[in-house]
Amino acid sequence: MRSEQIKGAVDKLAGRAQGAVGELMDDPQMQAAGATRQVAGQMQQSYGEALDHATDFVREKPLATLAIMAGLGILAGLLLRRR
């Protein structure tokens, strides 16, 4: 588990707690802040998972990664050349 996934899980949990406290205190602003923090935590956790998958792909298939990156480089060169 990467640090991004851990930070995301912690933020998601903290957002859930903040939303619950806001609900107990009947504070809609705190509830909204908790919901926002929870969504941000979920996004960060998903980013960490995607990064893990990309790292695994690069380690398992280095030649395919090199071919993809070369293709992207050629495409970027062609697009920038047309200016």
PDB file of N, CA and C in Angstrom:
ATOM      1  N   MET A   1       0.851  -1.180   0.000  1.00  0.00           N
ATOM      2  CA  MET A   1       0.000   0.000   0.000  1.00  0.00           C
ATOM      3  C   MET A   1       0.895   1.241   0.000  1.00  0.00           C
ATOM      4  N   ARG A   2       0.665   2.127  -0.916  1.00  0.00           N
ATOM      5  CA  ARG A   2       1.453   3.355  -1.034  1.00  0.00           C
ATOM      6  C   ARG A   2       0.970   4.425  -0.073  1.00  0.00           C
ATOM      7  N   SER A   3       1.817   5.420   0.090  1.00  0.00           N
ATOM      8  CA  SER A   3       1.472   6.506   1.012  1.00  0.00           C
ATOM      9  C   SER A   3       0.229   7.261   0.549  1.00  0.00           C
ATOM     10  N   GLU A   4       0.013   7.366  -0.777  1.00  0.00           N
ATOM     11  CA  GLU A   4      -1.173   8.049  -1.280  1.00  0.00           C
ATOM     12  C   GLU A   4      -2.445   7.315  -0.863  1.00  0.00           C
ATOM     13  N   GLN A   5      -2.384   5.995  -0.902  1.00  0.00           N
ATOM     14  CA  GLN A   5      -3.541   5.207  -0.502  1.00  0.00           C
ATOM     15  C   GLN A   5      -3.809   5.356   0.997  1.00  0.00           C
ATOM     16  N   ILE A   6      -2.754   5.366   1.790  1.00  0.00           N
ATOM     17  CA  ILE A   6      -2.908   5.507   3.236  1.00  0.00           C
ATOM     18  C   ILE A   6      -3.458   6.886   3.585  1.00  0.00           C
ATOM     19  N   LYS A   7      -2.882   7.936   2.978  1.00  0.00           N
ATOM     20  CA  LYS A   7      -3.384   9.291   3.228  1.00  0.00           C
ATOM     21  C   LYS A   7      -4.843   9.423   2.804  1.00  0.00           C
ATOM     22  N   GLY A   8      -5.187   8.818   1.676  1.00  0.00           N
ATOM     23  CA  GLY A   8      -6.559   8.874   1.197  1.00  0.00           C
ATOM     24  C   GLY A   8      -7.520   8.180   2.140  1.00  0.00           C
ATOM     25  N   ALA A   9      -7.110   7.016   2.646  1.00  0.00           N
ATOM     26  CA  ALA A   9      -7.969   6.286   3.570  1.00  0.00           C
ATOM     27  C   ALA A   9      -8.153   7.064   4.874  1.00  0.00           C
ATOM     28  N   VAL A  10      -7.077   7.702   5.348  1.00  0.00           N
ATOM     29  CA  VAL A  10      -7.165   8.499   6.579  1.00  0.00           C
ATOM     30  C   VAL A  10      -8.077   9.702   6.364  1.00  0.00           C
ATOM     31  N   ASP A  11      -7.909  10.400   5.234  1.00  0.00           N
ATOM     32  CA  ASP A  11      -8.765  11.559   4.951  1.00  0.00           C
ATOM     33  C   ASP A  11     -10.227  11.150   4.790  1.00  0.00           C
ATOM     34  N   LYS A  12     -10.449  10.008   4.160  1.00  0.00           N
ATOM     35  CA  LYS A  12     -11.812   9.517   3.981  1.00  0.00           C
ATOM     36  C   LYS A  12     -12.461   9.232   5.335  1.00  0.00           C
ATOM     37  N   LEU A  13     -11.712   8.608   6.222  1.00  0.00           N
ATOM     38  CA  LEU A  13     -12.211   8.310   7.563  1.00  0.00           C
ATOM     39  C   LEU A  13     -12.442   9.591   8.359  1.00  0.00           C
ATOM     40  N   ALA A  14     -11.498  10.541   8.243  1.00  0.00           N
ATOM     41  CA  ALA A  14     -11.650  11.813   8.951  1.00  0.00           C
ATOM     42  C   ALA A  14     -12.849  12.596   8.429  1.00  0.00           C
ATOM     43  N   GLY A  15     -13.076  12.549   7.134  1.00  0.00           N
ATOM     44  CA  GLY A  15     -14.237  13.222   6.553  1.00  0.00           C
ATOM     45  C   GLY A  15     -15.539  12.612   7.024  1.00  0.00           C
ATOM     46  N   ARG A  16     -15.548  11.290   7.132  1.00  0.00           N
ATOM     47  CA  ARG A  16     -16.738  10.603   7.630  1.00  0.00           C
ATOM     48  C   ARG A  16     -17.020  11.016   9.082  1.00  0.00           C
ATOM     49  N   ALA A  17     -15.950  11.096   9.888  1.00  0.00           N
ATOM     50  CA  ALA A  17     -16.103  11.504  11.291  1.00  0.00           C
ATOM     51  C   ALA A  17     -16.555  12.960  11.387  1.00  0.00           C
ATOM     52  N   GLN A  18     -15.961  13.815  10.559  1.00  0.00           N
ATOM     53  CA  GLN A  18     -16.332  15.227  10.566  1.00  0.00           C
ATOM     54  C   GLN A  18     -17.794  15.410  10.163  1.00  0.00           C
ATOM     55  N   GLY A  19     -18.239  14.650   9.188  1.00  0.00           N
ATOM     56  CA  GLY A  19     -19.638  14.714   8.777  1.00  0.00           C
ATOM     57  C   GLY A  19     -20.574  14.247   9.887  1.00  0.00           C
ATOM     58  N   ALA A  20     -20.164  13.204  10.613  1.00  0.00           N
ATOM     59  CA  ALA A  20     -20.992  12.702  11.713  1.00  0.00           C
ATOM     60  C   ALA A  20     -21.076  13.724  12.843  1.00  0.00           C
ATOM     61  N   VAL A  21     -19.952  14.382  13.145  1.00  0.00           N
ATOM     62  CA  VAL A  21     -19.964  15.419  14.180  1.00  0.00           C
ATOM     63  C   VAL A  21     -20.842  16.584  13.741  1.00  0.00           C
ATOM     64  N   GLY A  22     -20.753  16.952  12.485  1.00  0.00           N
ATOM     65  CA  GLY A  22     -21.600  18.023  11.958  1.00  0.00           C
ATOM     66  C   GLY A  22     -23.074  17.672  12.033  1.00  0.00           C
ATOM     67  N   GLU A  23     -23.381  16.396  11.813  1.00  0.00           N
ATOM     68  CA  GLU A  23     -24.772  15.961  11.905  1.00  0.00           C
ATOM     69  C   GLU A  23     -25.254  16.003  13.356  1.00  0.00           C
ATOM     70  N   LEU A  24     -24.402  15.578  14.281  1.00  0.00           N
ATOM     71  CA  LEU A  24     -24.770  15.623  15.695  1.00  0.00           C
ATOM     72  C   LEU A  24     -24.961  17.056  16.199  1.00  0.00           C
ATOM     73  N   MET A  25     -24.119  17.960  15.695  1.00  0.00           N
ATOM     74  CA  MET A  25     -24.195  19.358  16.122  1.00  0.00           C
ATOM     75  C   MET A  25     -25.184  20.165  15.282  1.00  0.00           C
ATOM     76  N   ASP A  26     -25.787  19.510  14.303  1.00  0.00           N
ATOM     77  CA  ASP A  26     -26.734  20.152  13.384  1.00  0.00           C
ATOM     78  C   ASP A  26     -26.075  21.351  12.685  1.00  0.00           C
ATOM     79  N   ASP A  27     -24.869  21.092  12.165  1.00  0.00           N
ATOM     80  CA  ASP A  27     -24.089  22.124  11.487  1.00  0.00           C
ATOM     81  C   ASP A  27     -23.908  21.708  10.023  1.00  0.00           C
ATOM     82  N   PRO A  28     -24.719  22.280   9.120  1.00  0.00           N
ATOM     83  CA  PRO A  28     -24.630  21.868   7.709  1.00  0.00           C
ATOM     84  C   PRO A  28     -23.282  22.199   7.071  1.00  0.00           C
ATOM     85  N   GLN A  29     -22.647  23.263   7.530  1.00  0.00           N
ATOM     86  CA  GLN A  29     -21.348  23.630   6.965  1.00  0.00           C
ATOM     87  C   GLN A  29     -20.293  22.570   7.313  1.00  0.00           C
ATOM     88  N   MET A  30     -20.319  22.072   8.528  1.00  0.00           N
ATOM     89  CA  MET A  30     -19.379  21.029   8.935  1.00  0.00           C
ATOM     90  C   MET A  30     -19.693  19.718   8.215  1.00  0.00           C
ATOM     91  N   GLN A  31     -20.954  19.444   7.990  1.00  0.00           N
ATOM     92  CA  GLN A  31     -21.342  18.243   7.251  1.00  0.00           C
ATOM     93  C   GLN A  31     -20.808  18.311   5.822  1.00  0.00           C
ATOM     94  N   ALA A  32     -20.945  19.472   5.204  1.00  0.00           N
ATOM     95  CA  ALA A  32     -20.458  19.643   3.829  1.00  0.00           C
ATOM     96  C   ALA A  32     -18.941  19.523   3.772  1.00  0.00           C
ATOM     97  N   ALA A  33     -18.254  20.100   4.758  1.00  0.00           N
ATOM     98  CA  ALA A  33     -16.794  19.996   4.797  1.00  0.00           C
ATOM     99  C   ALA A  33     -16.369  18.541   4.974  1.00  0.00           C
ATOM    100  N   GLY A  34     -17.102  17.802   5.789  1.00  0.00           N
ATOM    101  CA  GLY A  34     -16.805  16.384   5.979  1.00  0.00           C
ATOM    102  C   GLY A  34     -17.012  15.583   4.709  1.00  0.00           C
ATOM    103  N   ALA A  35     -18.093  15.880   4.015  1.00  0.00           N
ATOM    104  CA  ALA A  35     -18.372  15.178   2.759  1.00  0.00           C
ATOM    105  C   ALA A  35     -17.297  15.489   1.716  1.00  0.00           C
ATOM    106  N   THR A  36     -16.878  16.737   1.671  1.00  0.00           N
ATOM    107  CA  THR A  36     -15.831  17.137   0.734  1.00  0.00           C
ATOM    108  C   THR A  36     -14.522  16.431   1.047  1.00  0.00           C
ATOM    109  N   ARG A  37     -14.183  16.379   2.321  1.00  0.00           N
ATOM    110  CA  ARG A  37     -12.948  15.719   2.741  1.00  0.00           C
ATOM    111  C   ARG A  37     -13.008  14.225   2.446  1.00  0.00           C
ATOM    112  N   GLN A  38     -14.176  13.638   2.608  1.00  0.00           N
ATOM    113  CA  GLN A  38     -14.347  12.223   2.330  1.00  0.00           C
ATOM    114  C   GLN A  38     -14.152  11.941   0.843  1.00  0.00           C
ATOM    115  N   VAL A  39     -14.712  12.777  -0.006  1.00  0.00           N
ATOM    116  CA  VAL A  39     -14.557  12.598  -1.460  1.00  0.00           C
ATOM    117  C   VAL A  39     -13.099  12.800  -1.870  1.00  0.00           C
ATOM    118  N   ALA A  40     -12.451  13.803  -1.293  1.00  0.00           N
ATOM    119  CA  ALA A  40     -11.035  14.037  -1.607  1.00  0.00           C
ATOM    120  C   ALA A  40     -10.183  12.848  -1.172  1.00  0.00           C
ATOM    121  N   GLY A  41     -10.505  12.274  -0.041  1.00  0.00           N
ATOM    122  CA  GLY A  41      -9.784  11.090   0.421  1.00  0.00           C
ATOM    123  C   GLY A  41      -9.979   9.909  -0.508  1.00  0.00           C
ATOM    124  N   GLN A  42     -11.196   9.732  -0.993  1.00  0.00           N
ATOM    125  CA  GLN A  42     -11.474   8.643  -1.934  1.00  0.00           C
ATOM    126  C   GLN A  42     -10.701   8.845  -3.232  1.00  0.00           C
ATOM    127  N   MET A  43     -10.642  10.090  -3.700  1.00  0.00           N
ATOM    128  CA  MET A  43      -9.901  10.378  -4.934  1.00  0.00           C
ATOM    129  C   MET A  43      -8.414  10.104  -4.749  1.00  0.00           C
ATOM    130  N   GLN A  44      -7.862  10.498  -3.611  1.00  0.00           N
ATOM    131  CA  GLN A  44      -6.443  10.272  -3.358  1.00  0.00           C
ATOM    132  C   GLN A  44      -6.154   8.770  -3.241  1.00  0.00           C
ATOM    133  N   GLN A  45      -7.049   8.046  -2.616  1.00  0.00           N
ATOM    134  CA  GLN A  45      -6.882   6.599  -2.498  1.00  0.00           C
ATOM    135  C   GLN A  45      -6.940   5.942  -3.884  1.00  0.00           C
ATOM    136  N   SER A  46      -7.846   6.382  -4.725  1.00  0.00           N
ATOM    137  CA  SER A  46      -7.953   5.843  -6.086  1.00  0.00           C
ATOM    138  C   SER A  46      -6.709   6.174  -6.904  1.00  0.00           C
ATOM    139  N   TYR A  47      -6.168   7.383  -6.712  1.00  0.00           N
ATOM    140  CA  TYR A  47      -4.929   7.773  -7.390  1.00  0.00           C
ATOM    141  C   TYR A  47      -3.796   6.833  -6.989  1.00  0.00           C
ATOM    142  N   GLY A  48      -3.705   6.526  -5.710  1.00  0.00           N
ATOM    143  CA  GLY A  48      -2.671   5.607  -5.235  1.00  0.00           C
ATOM    144  C   GLY A  48      -2.810   4.231  -5.845  1.00  0.00           C
ATOM    145  N   GLU A  49      -4.040   3.745  -5.970  1.00  0.00           N
ATOM    146  CA  GLU A  49      -4.275   2.440  -6.584  1.00  0.00           C
ATOM    147  C   GLU A  49      -3.891   2.457  -8.064  1.00  0.00           C
ATOM    148  N   ALA A  50      -4.238   3.531  -8.762  1.00  0.00           N
ATOM    149  CA  ALA A  50      -3.879   3.645 -10.181  1.00  0.00           C
ATOM    150  C   ALA A  50      -2.366   3.693 -10.352  1.00  0.00           C
ATOM    151  N   LEU A  51      -1.697   4.391  -9.461  1.00  0.00           N
ATOM    152  CA  LEU A  51      -0.240   4.467  -9.501  1.00  0.00           C
ATOM    153  C   LEU A  51       0.378   3.093  -9.271  1.00  0.00           C
ATOM    154  N   ASP A  52      -0.191   2.320  -8.365  1.00  0.00           N
ATOM    155  CA  ASP A  52       0.276   0.954  -8.129  1.00  0.00           C
ATOM    156  C   ASP A  52       0.126   0.090  -9.380  1.00  0.00           C
ATOM    157  N   HIS A  53      -1.037   0.198 -10.033  1.00  0.00           N
ATOM    158  CA  HIS A  53      -1.277  -0.590 -11.240  1.00  0.00           C
ATOM    159  C   HIS A  53      -0.318  -0.191 -12.361  1.00  0.00           C
ATOM    160  N   ALA A  54      -0.073   1.106 -12.503  1.00  0.00           N
ATOM    161  CA  ALA A  54       0.848   1.565 -13.544  1.00  0.00           C
ATOM    162  C   ALA A  54       2.265   1.082 -13.258  1.00  0.00           C
ATOM    163  N   THR A  55       2.675   1.134 -12.004  1.00  0.00           N
ATOM    164  CA  THR A  55       4.010   0.665 -11.628  1.00  0.00           C
ATOM    165  C   THR A  55       4.153  -0.827 -11.896  1.00  0.00           C
ATOM    166  N   ASP A  56       3.138  -1.587 -11.557  1.00  0.00           N
ATOM    167  CA  ASP A  56       3.163  -3.033 -11.823  1.00  0.00           C
ATOM    168  C   ASP A  56       3.257  -3.312 -13.319  1.00  0.00           C
ATOM    169  N   PHE A  57       2.504  -2.560 -14.127  1.00  0.00           N
ATOM    170  CA  PHE A  57       2.537  -2.747 -15.580  1.00  0.00           C
ATOM    171  C   PHE A  57       3.929  -2.474 -16.125  1.00  0.00           C
ATOM    172  N   VAL A  58       4.552  -1.392 -15.648  1.00  0.00           N
ATOM    173  CA  VAL A  58       5.894  -1.039 -16.128  1.00  0.00           C
ATOM    174  C   VAL A  58       6.901  -2.119 -15.750  1.00  0.00           C
ATOM    175  N   ARG A  59       6.783  -2.663 -14.552  1.00  0.00           N
ATOM    176  CA  ARG A  59       7.710  -3.716 -14.118  1.00  0.00           C
ATOM    177  C   ARG A  59       7.503  -5.023 -14.872  1.00  0.00           C
ATOM    178  N   GLU A  60       6.252  -5.361 -15.163  1.00  0.00           N
ATOM    179  CA  GLU A  60       5.951  -6.626 -15.830  1.00  0.00           C
ATOM    180  C   GLU A  60       6.185  -6.569 -17.335  1.00  0.00           C
ATOM    181  N   LYS A  61       5.967  -5.391 -17.944  1.00  0.00           N
ATOM    182  CA  LYS A  61       6.051  -5.276 -19.409  1.00  0.00           C
ATOM    183  C   LYS A  61       6.857  -4.034 -19.801  1.00  0.00           C
ATOM    184  N   PRO A  62       8.172  -4.082 -19.598  1.00  0.00           N
ATOM    185  CA  PRO A  62       8.979  -2.892 -19.902  1.00  0.00           C
ATOM    186  C   PRO A  62       9.025  -2.547 -21.399  1.00  0.00           C
ATOM    187  N   LEU A  63       9.020  -3.560 -22.266  1.00  0.00           N
ATOM    188  CA  LEU A  63       9.071  -3.274 -23.703  1.00  0.00           C
ATOM    189  C   LEU A  63       7.765  -2.652 -24.191  1.00  0.00           C
ATOM    190  N   ALA A  64       6.658  -3.126 -23.698  1.00  0.00           N
ATOM    191  CA  ALA A  64       5.370  -2.537 -24.071  1.00  0.00           C
ATOM    192  C   ALA A  64       5.294  -1.095 -23.590  1.00  0.00           C
ATOM    193  N   THR A  65       5.805  -0.843 -22.391  1.00  0.00           N
ATOM    194  CA  THR A  65       5.822   0.519 -21.859  1.00  0.00           C
ATOM    195  C   THR A  65       6.681   1.421 -22.733  1.00  0.00           C
ATOM    196  N   LEU A  66       7.839   0.922 -23.137  1.00  0.00           N
ATOM    197  CA  LEU A  66       8.729   1.699 -24.000  1.00  0.00           C
ATOM    198  C   LEU A  66       8.060   2.007 -25.339  1.00  0.00           C
ATOM    199  N   ALA A  67       7.365   1.037 -25.903  1.00  0.00           N
ATOM    200  CA  ALA A  67       6.674   1.246 -27.179  1.00  0.00           C
ATOM    201  C   ALA A  67       5.544   2.272 -27.031  1.00  0.00           C
ATOM    202  N   ILE A  68       4.801   2.199 -25.934  1.00  0.00           N
ATOM    203  CA  ILE A  68       3.721   3.163 -25.698  1.00  0.00           C
ATOM    204  C   ILE A  68       4.285   4.566 -25.552  1.00  0.00           C
ATOM    205  N   MET A  69       5.351   4.700 -24.784  1.00  0.00           N
ATOM    206  CA  MET A  69       5.950   6.020 -24.575  1.00  0.00           C
ATOM    207  C   MET A  69       6.534   6.578 -25.880  1.00  0.00           C
ATOM    208  N   ALA A  70       7.135   5.725 -26.689  1.00  0.00           N
ATOM    209  CA  ALA A  70       7.657   6.180 -27.981  1.00  0.00           C
ATOM    210  C   ALA A  70       6.521   6.660 -28.872  1.00  0.00           C
ATOM    211  N   GLY A  71       5.435   5.919 -28.880  1.00  0.00           N
ATOM    212  CA  GLY A  71       4.271   6.325 -29.678  1.00  0.00           C
ATOM    213  C   GLY A  71       3.703   7.651 -29.218  1.00  0.00           C
ATOM    214  N   LEU A  72       3.629   7.839 -27.918  1.00  0.00           N
ATOM    215  CA  LEU A  72       3.142   9.121 -27.394  1.00  0.00           C
ATOM    216  C   LEU A  72       4.088  10.265 -27.741  1.00  0.00           C
ATOM    217  N   GLY A  73       5.384   9.983 -27.710  1.00  0.00           N
ATOM    218  CA  GLY A  73       6.364  11.009 -28.087  1.00  0.00           C
ATOM    219  C   GLY A  73       6.236  11.416 -29.542  1.00  0.00           C
ATOM    220  N   ILE A  74       6.066  10.439 -30.416  1.00  0.00           N
ATOM    221  CA  ILE A  74       5.883  10.727 -31.844  1.00  0.00           C
ATOM    222  C   ILE A  74       4.600  11.520 -32.065  1.00  0.00           C
ATOM    223  N   LEU A  75       3.525  11.106 -31.416  1.00  0.00           N
ATOM    224  CA  LEU A  75       2.251  11.813 -31.542  1.00  0.00           C
ATOM    225  C   LEU A  75       2.370  13.257 -31.060  1.00  0.00           C
ATOM    226  N   ALA A  76       3.012  13.458 -29.920  1.00  0.00           N
ATOM    227  CA  ALA A  76       3.191  14.820 -29.395  1.00  0.00           C
ATOM    228  C   ALA A  76       4.034  15.651 -30.360  1.00  0.00           C
ATOM    229  N   GLY A  77       5.062  15.045 -30.920  1.00  0.00           N
ATOM    230  CA  GLY A  77       5.891  15.760 -31.891  1.00  0.00           C
ATOM    231  C   GLY A  77       5.121  16.171 -33.122  1.00  0.00           C
ATOM    232  N   LEU A  78       4.278  15.291 -33.626  1.00  0.00           N
ATOM    233  CA  LEU A  78       3.475  15.608 -34.798  1.00  0.00           C
ATOM    234  C   LEU A  78       2.456  16.711 -34.500  1.00  0.00           C
ATOM    235  N   LEU A  79       1.850  16.662 -33.320  1.00  0.00           N
ATOM    236  CA  LEU A  79       0.858  17.672 -32.964  1.00  0.00           C
ATOM    237  C   LEU A  79       1.514  19.039 -32.759  1.00  0.00           C
ATOM    238  N   LEU A  80       2.662  19.064 -32.171  1.00  0.00           N
ATOM    239  CA  LEU A  80       3.350  20.344 -31.933  1.00  0.00           C
ATOM    240  C   LEU A  80       3.958  20.908 -33.211  1.00  0.00           C
ATOM    241  N   ARG A  81       4.276  20.047 -34.130  1.00  0.00           N
ATOM    242  CA  ARG A  81       4.878  20.468 -35.402  1.00  0.00           C
ATOM    243  C   ARG A  81       3.867  21.178 -36.303  1.00  0.00           C
ATOM    244  N   ARG A  82       2.589  20.869 -36.162  1.00  0.00           N
ATOM    245  CA  ARG A  82       1.547  21.419 -37.025  1.00  0.00           C
ATOM    246  C   ARG A  82       1.227  22.874 -36.713  1.00  0.00           C
ATOM    247  N   ARG A  83       1.739  23.418 -35.665  1.00  0.00           N
ATOM    248  CA  ARG A  83       1.423  24.806 -35.304  1.00  0.00           C
ATOM    249  C   ARG A  83       1.774  25.708 -36.397  1.00  0.00           C
TER     250      ARG A  83
END
